C-alpha atoms as a PDB file:
ATOM      1  CA  UNK A   1      30.366  -0.361   8.043  1.00  0.00           C
ATOM      2  CA  UNK A   2      30.545   3.245   6.862  1.00  0.00           C
ATOM      3  CA  UNK A   3      27.292   5.061   6.221  1.00  0.00           C
ATOM      4  CA  UNK A   4      27.089   7.903   3.740  1.00  0.00           C
ATOM      5  CA  UNK A   5      25.652  11.169   5.010  1.00  0.00           C
ATOM      6  CA  UNK A   6      23.319  12.636   2.418  1.00  0.00           C
ATOM      7  CA  UNK A   7      23.222  16.279   3.513  1.00  0.00           C
ATOM      8  CA  UNK A   8      25.445  17.384   0.646  1.00  0.00           C
ATOM      9  CA  UNK A   9      23.811  15.192  -2.006  1.00  0.00           C
ATOM     10  CA  UNK A  10      21.282  17.823  -2.947  1.00  0.00           C
ATOM     11  CA  UNK A  11      24.174  20.183  -3.652  1.00  0.00           C
ATOM     12  CA  UNK A  12      25.829  17.492  -5.765  1.00  0.00           C
ATOM     13  CA  UNK A  13      22.601  16.871  -7.665  1.00  0.00           C
ATOM     14  CA  UNK A  14      22.074  20.584  -8.166  1.00  0.00           C
ATOM     15  CA  UNK A  15      25.557  20.887  -9.646  1.00  0.00           C
ATOM     16  CA  UNK A  16      24.930  17.969 -11.983  1.00  0.00           C
ATOM     17  CA  UNK A  17      21.506  19.152 -13.110  1.00  0.00           C
ATOM     18  CA  UNK A  18      22.747  22.717 -13.419  1.00  0.00           C
ATOM     19  CA  UNK A  19      25.317  22.045 -16.141  1.00  0.00           C
ATOM     20  CA  UNK A  20      22.817  22.691 -18.933  1.00  0.00           C
ATOM     21  CA  UNK A  21      21.858  26.259 -19.827  1.00  0.00           C
ATOM     22  CA  UNK A  22      18.360  27.582 -19.251  1.00  0.00           C
ATOM     23  CA  UNK A  23      15.913  26.499 -21.931  1.00  0.00           C
ATOM     24  CA  UNK A  24      12.513  27.982 -22.695  1.00  0.00           C
ATOM     25  CA  UNK A  25      11.181  25.394 -25.107  1.00  0.00           C
ATOM     26  CA  UNK A  26       7.940  23.470 -24.815  1.00  0.00           C
ATOM     27  CA  UNK A  27       7.695  19.758 -24.109  1.00  0.00           C
ATOM     28  CA  UNK A  28       4.988  17.373 -25.304  1.00  0.00           C
ATOM     29  CA  UNK A  29       3.598  14.559 -23.157  1.00  0.00           C
ATOM     30  CA  UNK A  30       1.601  12.093 -25.212  1.00  0.00           C
ATOM     31  CA  UNK A  31       0.209   8.548 -25.217  1.00  0.00           C
ATOM     32  CA  UNK A  32       0.629   5.645 -27.623  1.00  0.00           C
ATOM     33  CA  UNK A  33      -1.571   2.537 -27.507  1.00  0.00           C
ATOM     34  CA  UNK A  34      -0.369  -0.841 -28.739  1.00  0.00           C
ATOM     35  CA  UNK A  35      -3.771  -1.140 -30.456  1.00  0.00           C
ATOM     36  CA  UNK A  36      -6.489   1.460 -30.934  1.00  0.00           C
ATOM     37  CA  UNK A  37      -9.238  -1.115 -31.478  1.00  0.00           C
ATOM     38  CA  UNK A  38      -9.651  -4.095 -29.170  1.00  0.00           C
ATOM     39  CA  UNK A  39     -12.418  -6.495 -28.153  1.00  0.00           C
ATOM     40  CA  UNK A  40     -13.973  -7.096 -24.757  1.00  0.00           C
ATOM     41  CA  UNK A  41     -11.540  -9.119 -22.654  1.00  0.00           C
ATOM     42  CA  UNK A  42      -8.465  -7.954 -24.568  1.00  0.00           C
ATOM     43  CA  UNK A  43      -5.523  -6.266 -22.856  1.00  0.00           C
ATOM     44  CA  UNK A  44      -3.555  -3.422 -24.450  1.00  0.00           C
ATOM     45  CA  UNK A  45      -0.445  -1.434 -23.508  1.00  0.00           C
ATOM     46  CA  UNK A  46      -0.586   2.365 -23.338  1.00  0.00           C
ATOM     47  CA  UNK A  47       2.861   4.000 -23.264  1.00  0.00           C
ATOM     48  CA  UNK A  48       3.262   7.449 -21.720  1.00  0.00           C
ATOM     49  CA  UNK A  49       5.930   9.357 -23.680  1.00  0.00           C
ATOM     50  CA  UNK A  50       7.546  12.773 -23.768  1.00  0.00           C
ATOM     51  CA  UNK A  51       9.281  14.853 -26.423  1.00  0.00           C
ATOM     52  CA  UNK A  52      11.854  17.211 -24.928  1.00  0.00           C
ATOM     53  CA  UNK A  53      11.754  19.287 -28.155  1.00  0.00           C
ATOM     54  CA  UNK A  54      15.331  20.609 -27.853  1.00  0.00           C
ATOM     55  CA  UNK A  55      14.934  21.482 -24.168  1.00  0.00           C
ATOM     56  CA  UNK A  56      16.943  19.781 -21.432  1.00  0.00           C
ATOM     57  CA  UNK A  57      14.490  18.487 -18.832  1.00  0.00           C
ATOM     58  CA  UNK A  58      14.923  16.664 -15.538  1.00  0.00           C
ATOM     59  CA  UNK A  59      11.520  15.861 -14.042  1.00  0.00           C
ATOM     60  CA  UNK A  60       7.852  15.397 -14.871  1.00  0.00           C
ATOM     61  CA  UNK A  61       4.813  15.028 -12.652  1.00  0.00           C
ATOM     62  CA  UNK A  62       1.079  14.882 -13.228  1.00  0.00           C
ATOM     63  CA  UNK A  63      -1.899  12.614 -13.820  1.00  0.00           C
ATOM     64  CA  UNK A  64      -3.270  10.339 -16.511  1.00  0.00           C
ATOM     65  CA  UNK A  65      -7.058  10.151 -16.554  1.00  0.00           C
ATOM     66  CA  UNK A  66      -9.168   7.307 -17.929  1.00  0.00           C
ATOM     67  CA  UNK A  67     -12.667   8.089 -19.158  1.00  0.00           C
ATOM     68  CA  UNK A  68     -14.784   5.169 -20.322  1.00  0.00           C
ATOM     69  CA  UNK A  69     -18.183   5.560 -21.939  1.00  0.00           C
ATOM     70  CA  UNK A  70     -19.549   2.501 -20.168  1.00  0.00           C
ATOM     71  CA  UNK A  71     -17.091   1.964 -17.324  1.00  0.00           C
ATOM     72  CA  UNK A  72     -15.354  -0.514 -19.560  1.00  0.00           C
ATOM     73  CA  UNK A  73     -11.701  -0.339 -18.563  1.00  0.00           C
ATOM     74  CA  UNK A  74      -9.578  -1.753 -15.760  1.00  0.00           C
ATOM     75  CA  UNK A  75      -5.922  -0.962 -15.102  1.00  0.00           C
ATOM     76  CA  UNK A  76      -4.088  -4.259 -14.667  1.00  0.00           C
ATOM     77  CA  UNK A  77      -0.470  -3.225 -14.266  1.00  0.00           C
ATOM     78  CA  UNK A  78       2.222  -0.555 -14.594  1.00  0.00           C
ATOM     79  CA  UNK A  79       5.688  -1.088 -16.012  1.00  0.00           C
ATOM     80  CA  UNK A  80       8.854   1.041 -15.980  1.00  0.00           C
ATOM     81  CA  UNK A  81      10.533  -1.160 -18.612  1.00  0.00           C
ATOM     82  CA  UNK A  82      12.628   0.914 -21.048  1.00  0.00           C
ATOM     83  CA  UNK A  83      11.822   4.087 -19.129  1.00  0.00           C
ATOM     84  CA  UNK A  84      14.237   6.965 -19.639  1.00  0.00           C
ATOM     85  CA  UNK A  85      13.469   7.999 -16.055  1.00  0.00           C
ATOM     86  CA  UNK A  86      15.586   6.456 -13.309  1.00  0.00           C
ATOM     87  CA  UNK A  87      14.170   8.412 -10.374  1.00  0.00           C
ATOM     88  CA  UNK A  88      10.614   7.862  -9.086  1.00  0.00           C
ATOM     89  CA  UNK A  89       9.644   9.831  -5.954  1.00  0.00           C
ATOM     90  CA  UNK A  90       6.154   8.566  -6.827  1.00  0.00           C
ATOM     91  CA  UNK A  91       5.869   5.526  -9.036  1.00  0.00           C
ATOM     92  CA  UNK A  92       2.683   5.414 -11.154  1.00  0.00           C
ATOM     93  CA  UNK A  93      -0.231   4.767  -8.797  1.00  0.00           C
ATOM     94  CA  UNK A  94      -3.963   4.348  -9.343  1.00  0.00           C
ATOM     95  CA  UNK A  95      -6.635   6.299  -7.459  1.00  0.00           C
ATOM     96  CA  UNK A  96      -9.240   4.400  -5.441  1.00  0.00           C
ATOM     97  CA  UNK A  97     -11.893   4.978  -8.115  1.00  0.00           C
ATOM     98  CA  UNK A  98      -9.620   3.491 -10.775  1.00  0.00           C
ATOM     99  CA  UNK A  99      -9.805   6.553 -13.005  1.00  0.00           C
ATOM    100  CA  UNK A 100      -6.664   8.599 -12.263  1.00  0.00           C
ATOM    101  CA  UNK A 101      -3.003   7.608 -12.422  1.00  0.00           C
ATOM    102  CA  UNK A 102      -0.559   9.907 -10.613  1.00  0.00           C
ATOM    103  CA  UNK A 103       3.215   9.942 -10.983  1.00  0.00           C
ATOM    104  CA  UNK A 104       6.439  11.884 -10.350  1.00  0.00           C
ATOM    105  CA  UNK A 105       9.562  10.943 -12.306  1.00  0.00           C
ATOM    106  CA  UNK A 106      13.005  12.427 -12.802  1.00  0.00           C
ATOM    107  CA  UNK A 107      16.266  12.021 -14.723  1.00  0.00           C
ATOM    108  CA  UNK A 108      19.585  12.824 -12.966  1.00  0.00           C
ATOM    109  CA  UNK A 109      21.528  15.219 -15.184  1.00  0.00           C
ATOM    110  CA  UNK A 110      18.508  15.863 -17.404  1.00  0.00           C
ATOM    111  CA  UNK A 111      17.662  14.600 -20.873  1.00  0.00           C
ATOM    112  CA  UNK A 112      16.808  15.922 -24.315  1.00  0.00           C
ATOM    113  CA  UNK A 113      15.154  13.054 -26.173  1.00  0.00           C
ATOM    114  CA  UNK A 114      12.290  12.792 -28.604  1.00  0.00           C
ATOM    115  CA  UNK A 115       9.889   9.968 -27.810  1.00  0.00           C
ATOM    116  CA  UNK A 116      11.331   9.121 -24.388  1.00  0.00           C
ATOM    117  CA  UNK A 117       9.274   6.563 -22.461  1.00  0.00           C
ATOM    118  CA  UNK A 118       8.028   7.520 -18.987  1.00  0.00           C
ATOM    119  CA  UNK A 119       6.090   4.368 -18.156  1.00  0.00           C
ATOM    120  CA  UNK A 120       3.525   1.906 -19.481  1.00  0.00           C
ATOM    121  CA  UNK A 121      -0.084   1.316 -18.459  1.00  0.00           C
ATOM    122  CA  UNK A 122      -1.617  -2.110 -19.030  1.00  0.00           C
ATOM    123  CA  UNK A 123      -5.391  -1.814 -19.476  1.00  0.00           C
ATOM    124  CA  UNK A 124      -8.073  -4.449 -19.979  1.00  0.00           C
ATOM    125  CA  UNK A 125     -11.395  -3.850 -21.735  1.00  0.00           C
ATOM    126  CA  UNK A 126     -14.388  -5.156 -19.785  1.00  0.00           C
ATOM    127  CA  UNK A 127     -17.291  -3.770 -21.881  1.00  0.00           C
ATOM    128  CA  UNK A 128     -17.843  -2.457 -25.397  1.00  0.00           C
ATOM    129  CA  UNK A 129     -17.508   1.308 -25.822  1.00  0.00           C
ATOM    130  CA  UNK A 130     -14.856   4.013 -25.994  1.00  0.00           C
ATOM    131  CA  UNK A 131     -11.882   4.477 -23.678  1.00  0.00           C
ATOM    132  CA  UNK A 132     -10.360   7.965 -23.583  1.00  0.00           C
ATOM    133  CA  UNK A 133      -6.965   8.269 -21.864  1.00  0.00           C
ATOM    134  CA  UNK A 134      -5.447  11.735 -21.382  1.00  0.00           C
ATOM    135  CA  UNK A 135      -2.563  13.440 -19.563  1.00  0.00           C
ATOM    136  CA  UNK A 136      -3.750  16.074 -17.066  1.00  0.00           C
ATOM    137  CA  UNK A 137      -2.099  18.524 -14.632  1.00  0.00           C
ATOM    138  CA  UNK A 138       1.289  17.874 -16.197  1.00  0.00           C
ATOM    139  CA  UNK A 139       4.327  19.838 -14.959  1.00  0.00           C
ATOM    140  CA  UNK A 140       7.680  19.526 -16.750  1.00  0.00           C
ATOM    141  CA  UNK A 141      10.803  21.052 -15.195  1.00  0.00           C
ATOM    142  CA  UNK A 142      13.821  22.391 -17.056  1.00  0.00           C
ATOM    143  CA  UNK A 143      17.282  21.167 -16.098  1.00  0.00           C
ATOM    144  CA  UNK A 144      18.572  24.527 -14.836  1.00  0.00           C
ATOM    145  CA  UNK A 145      18.914  23.810 -11.120  1.00  0.00           C
ATOM    146  CA  UNK A 146      16.123  26.314 -10.366  1.00  0.00           C
ATOM    147  CA  UNK A 147      12.974  24.231 -10.848  1.00  0.00           C
ATOM    148  CA  UNK A 148      11.857  26.301 -13.849  1.00  0.00           C
ATOM    149  CA  UNK A 149       8.771  24.942 -15.571  1.00  0.00           C
ATOM    150  CA  UNK A 150       8.625  24.348 -19.314  1.00  0.00           C
ATOM    151  CA  UNK A 151       5.556  25.011 -21.417  1.00  0.00           C
ATOM    152  CA  UNK A 152       3.699  21.733 -21.944  1.00  0.00           C
ATOM    153  CA  UNK A 153       1.531  20.330 -24.711  1.00  0.00           C
ATOM    154  CA  UNK A 154      -0.483  17.157 -24.094  1.00  0.00           C
ATOM    155  CA  UNK A 155      -1.968  14.570 -26.419  1.00  0.00           C
ATOM    156  CA  UNK A 156      -4.191  11.707 -25.331  1.00  0.00           C
ATOM    157  CA  UNK A 157      -5.360   8.576 -27.086  1.00  0.00           C
ATOM    158  CA  UNK A 158      -8.635   6.750 -27.655  1.00  0.00           C
ATOM    159  CA  UNK A 159      -9.266   3.013 -27.741  1.00  0.00           C
ATOM    160  CA  UNK A 160     -12.435   1.597 -29.271  1.00  0.00           C
ATOM    161  CA  UNK A 161     -13.727  -1.562 -27.610  1.00  0.00           C
ATOM    162  CA  UNK A 162     -15.877  -3.864 -29.752  1.00  0.00           C
ATOM    163  CA  UNK A 163     -18.016  -6.783 -28.513  1.00  0.00           C
ATOM    164  CA  UNK A 164     -16.138 -10.059 -28.332  1.00  0.00           C
ATOM    165  CA  UNK A 165     -16.919 -12.597 -31.025  1.00  0.00           C
ATOM    166  CA  UNK A 166     -17.934 -16.114 -30.133  1.00  0.00           C
ATOM    167  CA  UNK A 167     -14.994 -18.463 -30.433  1.00  0.00           C
ATOM    168  CA  UNK A 168     -12.435 -15.663 -30.786  1.00  0.00           C
ATOM    169  CA  UNK A 169      -9.296 -15.839 -28.680  1.00  0.00           C
ATOM    170  CA  UNK A 170      -8.584 -13.100 -26.155  1.00  0.00           C
ATOM    171  CA  UNK A 171      -5.601 -10.935 -27.095  1.00  0.00           C
ATOM    172  CA  UNK A 172      -3.277  -9.908 -24.285  1.00  0.00           C
ATOM    173  CA  UNK A 173      -0.380  -7.761 -25.496  1.00  0.00           C
ATOM    174  CA  UNK A 174       1.171  -7.635 -22.014  1.00  0.00           C
ATOM    175  CA  UNK A 175       1.140 -11.365 -21.252  1.00  0.00           C
ATOM    176  CA  UNK A 176       2.784 -11.965 -24.617  1.00  0.00           C
ATOM    177  CA  UNK A 177       5.719  -9.813 -23.480  1.00  0.00           C
ATOM    178  CA  UNK A 178       5.878 -11.306 -19.989  1.00  0.00           C
ATOM    179  CA  UNK A 179       5.781 -14.891 -21.263  1.00  0.00           C
ATOM    180  CA  UNK A 180       8.853 -14.326 -23.430  1.00  0.00           C
ATOM    181  CA  UNK A 181      10.920 -12.505 -20.796  1.00  0.00           C
ATOM    182  CA  UNK A 182      13.701 -14.843 -19.704  1.00  0.00           C
ATOM    183  CA  UNK A 183      16.250 -12.149 -18.868  1.00  0.00           C
ATOM    184  CA  UNK A 184      16.858 -11.218 -15.206  1.00  0.00           C
ATOM    185  CA  UNK A 185      17.231  -7.577 -14.137  1.00  0.00           C
ATOM    186  CA  UNK A 186      20.668  -6.001 -14.503  1.00  0.00           C
ATOM    187  CA  UNK A 187      23.122  -6.372 -11.566  1.00  0.00           C
ATOM    188  CA  UNK A 188      22.858  -3.655  -8.930  1.00  0.00           C
ATOM    189  CA  UNK A 189      24.512  -2.639  -5.673  1.00  0.00           C
ATOM    190  CA  UNK A 190      23.282  -1.596  -2.243  1.00  0.00           C
ATOM    191  CA  UNK A 191      24.313   1.829  -0.893  1.00  0.00           C
ATOM    192  CA  UNK A 192      23.922   2.523   2.854  1.00  0.00           C
ATOM    193  CA  UNK A 193      23.099   6.031   3.982  1.00  0.00           C
ATOM    194  CA  UNK A 194      22.050   8.206   6.872  1.00  0.00           C
ATOM    195  CA  UNK A 195      20.530  11.689   6.884  1.00  0.00           C
ATOM    196  CA  UNK A 196      18.915  13.590   9.751  1.00  0.00           C
ATOM    197  CA  UNK A 197      16.066  14.668   7.461  1.00  0.00           C
ATOM    198  CA  UNK A 198      15.187  11.113   6.372  1.00  0.00           C
ATOM    199  CA  UNK A 199      13.639   8.259   8.358  1.00  0.00           C
ATOM    200  CA  UNK A 200      14.117  10.118  11.652  1.00  0.00           C
ATOM    201  CA  UNK A 201      17.878   9.983  11.156  1.00  0.00           C
ATOM    202  CA  UNK A 202      17.974   6.190  11.051  1.00  0.00           C
ATOM    203  CA  UNK A 203      20.448   4.242   8.924  1.00  0.00           C
ATOM    204  CA  UNK A 204      18.964   2.946   5.684  1.00  0.00           C
ATOM    205  CA  UNK A 205      19.924   1.290   2.411  1.00  0.00           C
ATOM    206  CA  UNK A 206      19.188   2.478  -1.113  1.00  0.00           C
ATOM    207  CA  UNK A 207      19.187   0.312  -4.248  1.00  0.00           C
ATOM    208  CA  UNK A 208      17.808   0.586  -7.762  1.00  0.00           C
ATOM    209  CA  UNK A 209      17.713  -2.313 -10.207  1.00  0.00           C
ATOM    210  CA  UNK A 210      16.890  -1.910 -13.909  1.00  0.00           C
ATOM    211  CA  UNK A 211      14.929  -4.290 -16.120  1.00  0.00           C
ATOM    212  CA  UNK A 212      14.270  -3.339 -19.747  1.00  0.00           C
ATOM    213  CA  UNK A 213      11.982  -6.223 -20.675  1.00  0.00           C
ATOM    214  CA  UNK A 214       9.041  -6.100 -18.255  1.00  0.00           C
ATOM    215  CA  UNK A 215      10.297  -3.770 -15.505  1.00  0.00           C
ATOM    216  CA  UNK A 216      11.051  -4.255 -11.797  1.00  0.00           C
ATOM    217  CA  UNK A 217       8.151  -5.621  -9.780  1.00  0.00           C
ATOM    218  CA  UNK A 218       9.504  -5.587  -6.220  1.00  0.00           C
ATOM    219  CA  UNK A 219      12.436  -6.294  -3.907  1.00  0.00           C
ATOM    220  CA  UNK A 220      12.778  -8.895  -1.143  1.00  0.00           C
ATOM    221  CA  UNK A 221      15.153  -7.836   1.638  1.00  0.00           C
ATOM    222  CA  UNK A 222      16.701 -10.159   4.224  1.00  0.00           C
ATOM    223  CA  UNK A 223      18.578  -8.511   7.088  1.00  0.00           C
ATOM    224  CA  UNK A 224      21.170 -10.475   9.057  1.00  0.00           C
ATOM    225  CA  UNK A 225      19.947 -13.703   7.480  1.00  0.00           C
ATOM    226  CA  UNK A 226      16.392 -13.224   8.728  1.00  0.00           C
ATOM    227  CA  UNK A 227      13.054 -13.695   6.982  1.00  0.00           C
ATOM    228  CA  UNK A 228      12.806 -11.687   3.774  1.00  0.00           C
ATOM    229  CA  UNK A 229      10.350  -8.776   3.623  1.00  0.00           C
ATOM    230  CA  UNK A 230       9.026  -7.007   0.549  1.00  0.00           C
ATOM    231  CA  UNK A 231      10.427  -3.521   0.016  1.00  0.00           C
ATOM    232  CA  UNK A 232      10.639  -0.570  -2.314  1.00  0.00           C
ATOM    233  CA  UNK A 233      14.010   0.871  -3.343  1.00  0.00           C
ATOM    234  CA  UNK A 234      14.835   2.037   0.203  1.00  0.00           C
ATOM    235  CA  UNK A 235      15.035  -0.066   3.355  1.00  0.00           C
ATOM    236  CA  UNK A 236      15.466   1.160   6.936  1.00  0.00           C
ATOM    237  CA  UNK A 237      17.787  -1.084   8.931  1.00  0.00           C
ATOM    238  CA  UNK A 238      16.166  -2.806  11.902  1.00  0.00           C
ATOM    239  CA  UNK A 239      19.652  -3.291  13.301  1.00  0.00           C
ATOM    240  CA  UNK A 240      20.993   0.254  13.781  1.00  0.00           C
ATOM    241  CA  UNK A 241      24.344  -0.883  15.176  1.00  0.00           C
ATOM    242  CA  UNK A 242      26.116  -0.327  11.859  1.00  0.00           C
ATOM    243  CA  UNK A 243      27.046  -3.991  11.531  1.00  0.00           C
ATOM    244  CA  UNK A 244      23.954  -5.304   9.734  1.00  0.00           C
ATOM    245  CA  UNK A 245      24.169  -7.380   6.563  1.00  0.00           C
ATOM    246  CA  UNK A 246      21.619  -7.322   3.763  1.00  0.00           C
ATOM    247  CA  UNK A 247      20.617  -9.635   0.943  1.00  0.00           C
ATOM    248  CA  UNK A 248      18.341  -7.948  -1.589  1.00  0.00           C
ATOM    249  CA  UNK A 249      16.610  -9.788  -4.437  1.00  0.00           C
ATOM    250  CA  UNK A 250      15.093  -7.760  -7.288  1.00  0.00           C
ATOM    251  CA  UNK A 251      12.252  -9.417  -9.225  1.00  0.00           C
ATOM    252  CA  UNK A 252      10.942  -8.337 -12.612  1.00  0.00           C
ATOM    253  CA  UNK A 253       7.327  -8.687 -13.743  1.00  0.00           C
ATOM    254  CA  UNK A 254       8.069 -12.105 -15.231  1.00  0.00           C
ATOM    255  CA  UNK A 255       9.543 -13.455 -11.987  1.00  0.00           C
ATOM    256  CA  UNK A 256      13.175 -13.334 -13.107  1.00  0.00           C
ATOM    257  CA  UNK A 257      15.484 -12.216 -10.336  1.00  0.00           C
ATOM    258  CA  UNK A 258      18.940 -10.933  -9.453  1.00  0.00           C
ATOM    259  CA  UNK A 259      20.431 -10.493  -5.995  1.00  0.00           C
ATOM    260  CA  UNK A 260      22.894  -8.157  -4.297  1.00  0.00           C
ATOM    261  CA  UNK A 261      24.510  -8.243  -0.860  1.00  0.00           C
ATOM    262  CA  UNK A 262      25.856  -5.681   1.563  1.00  0.00           C
ATOM    263  CA  UNK A 263      28.637  -5.437   2.540  1.00  0.00           C
ATOM    264  CA  UNK A 264      30.020  -6.437  -0.871  1.00  0.00           C
ATOM    265  CA  UNK A 265      31.709  -9.814  -0.622  1.00  0.00           C
ATOM    266  CA  UNK A 266      35.365  -9.968  -1.621  1.00  0.00           C
ATOM    267  CA  UNK A 267      36.116 -11.704  -4.895  1.00  0.00           C
ATOM    268  CA  UNK A 268      32.678 -11.231  -6.424  1.00  0.00           C
ATOM    269  CA  UNK A 269      34.242 -10.085  -9.691  1.00  0.00           C
ATOM    270  CA  UNK A 270      32.993  -6.472  -9.557  1.00  0.00           C
ATOM    271  CA  UNK A 271      35.848  -4.037 -10.142  1.00  0.00           C
ATOM    272  CA  UNK A 272      36.216  -1.348  -7.483  1.00  0.00           C
ATOM    273  CA  UNK A 273      36.117   1.424 -10.098  1.00  0.00           C
ATOM    274  CA  UNK A 274      32.735   0.161 -11.305  1.00  0.00           C
ATOM    275  CA  UNK A 275      31.463   0.106  -7.732  1.00  0.00           C
ATOM    276  CA  UNK A 276      32.576   3.706  -7.158  1.00  0.00           C
ATOM    277  CA  UNK A 277      30.947   4.826 -10.409  1.00  0.00           C
ATOM    278  CA  UNK A 278      27.653   3.158  -9.528  1.00  0.00           C
ATOM    279  CA  UNK A 279      27.729   4.628  -6.011  1.00  0.00           C
ATOM    280  CA  UNK A 280      28.247   8.133  -7.414  1.00  0.00           C
ATOM    281  CA  UNK A 281      25.336   7.638  -9.825  1.00  0.00           C
ATOM    282  CA  UNK A 282      23.073   6.382  -7.037  1.00  0.00           C
ATOM    283  CA  UNK A 283      24.040   9.275  -4.786  1.00  0.00           C
ATOM    284  CA  UNK A 284      23.203  11.788  -7.504  1.00  0.00           C
ATOM    285  CA  UNK A 285      19.895   9.994  -8.085  1.00  0.00           C
ATOM    286  CA  UNK A 286      19.081  10.221  -4.393  1.00  0.00           C
ATOM    287  CA  UNK A 287      20.055  13.862  -4.271  1.00  0.00           C
ATOM    288  CA  UNK A 288      17.742  14.605  -7.158  1.00  0.00           C
ATOM    289  CA  UNK A 289      15.084  12.536  -5.402  1.00  0.00           C
ATOM    290  CA  UNK A 290      15.125  15.049  -2.580  1.00  0.00           C
ATOM    291  CA  UNK A 291      15.042  17.980  -5.005  1.00  0.00           C
ATOM    292  CA  UNK A 292      12.043  16.579  -6.917  1.00  0.00           C
ATOM    293  CA  UNK A 293      10.268  15.603  -3.696  1.00  0.00           C
ATOM    294  CA  UNK A 294      10.631  19.196  -2.494  1.00  0.00           C
ATOM    295  CA  UNK A 295       9.061  20.420  -5.740  1.00  0.00           C
ATOM    296  CA  UNK A 296       6.084  18.129  -5.201  1.00  0.00           C
ATOM    297  CA  UNK A 297       5.665  19.245  -1.586  1.00  0.00           C
ATOM    298  CA  UNK A 298       5.825  22.899  -2.640  1.00  0.00           C
ATOM    299  CA  UNK A 299       3.257  22.247  -5.365  1.00  0.00           C
ATOM    300  CA  UNK A 300       0.884  20.640  -2.862  1.00  0.00           C
ATOM    301  CA  UNK A 301       1.406  23.524  -0.430  1.00  0.00           C
ATOM    302  CA  UNK A 302       0.510  26.068  -3.103  1.00  0.00           C
ATOM    303  CA  UNK A 303      -2.583  24.074  -4.071  1.00  0.00           C
ATOM    304  CA  UNK A 304      -3.780  23.964  -0.462  1.00  0.00           C
ATOM    305  CA  UNK A 305      -3.147  27.699  -0.070  1.00  0.00           C
ATOM    306  CA  UNK A 306      -5.267  28.405  -3.130  1.00  0.00           C
END
């Protein structure tokens, strides 16, 4: 089993993201709610979007804050379905007080799209009142290979929550989508790697499935036929001999699944050229992962210094 050394991946990613010329345009990060008026008990979907506004961008990080007049909102779920961002050094995560969502996302090679989806927030109203949801501390980086920041405009959204009416059915926009999702995630492959700067130099596997209906929920990984364990998109081999086998199952939010194995079994119908193309894409994604992660670390270091 040959493991890919990732030391030069950052250089590869920098070359890819550096193709576009320097841009100095502003970007707009804004929110769209599936409904701006709901009743107590209802669930709505808030989509975080971005307009590149003629700039070529490659990463975004920041927070989404939730302010409720009566403490009347609960975050139920996050979804990356239909996201234009394929790289998530930090997937959307909720603070312990339930009022701040933090995230870091990137796009290998950059993008210039109006109305691109970052991710979706599924919120449930628990009391009558007003819910104010706003982007905060947003940083958008231009695709110039230098980590240059773009000027950013932000626009939030407000949801009015009315008292529930006796006998009225509860509306759940998210469950309606999940209940109709019968499509499994797209096929994916597993790429082994090893880098002295990652996981104490241990061999690991990287994989990234895509689901455009409800989004990927989690992965189950079985090594050498053993008991499956839940994992993110990277898995450190327990068997470091170089001869381990993996079976990875990707589940979407609706429970649909697709599996991949490593090493790739002969005669599985996947053309070798497709495999090479996917490996190159995944390597570039991982290279950019390291670049974006470095940006986040530098940002935190500056904040602590201040």
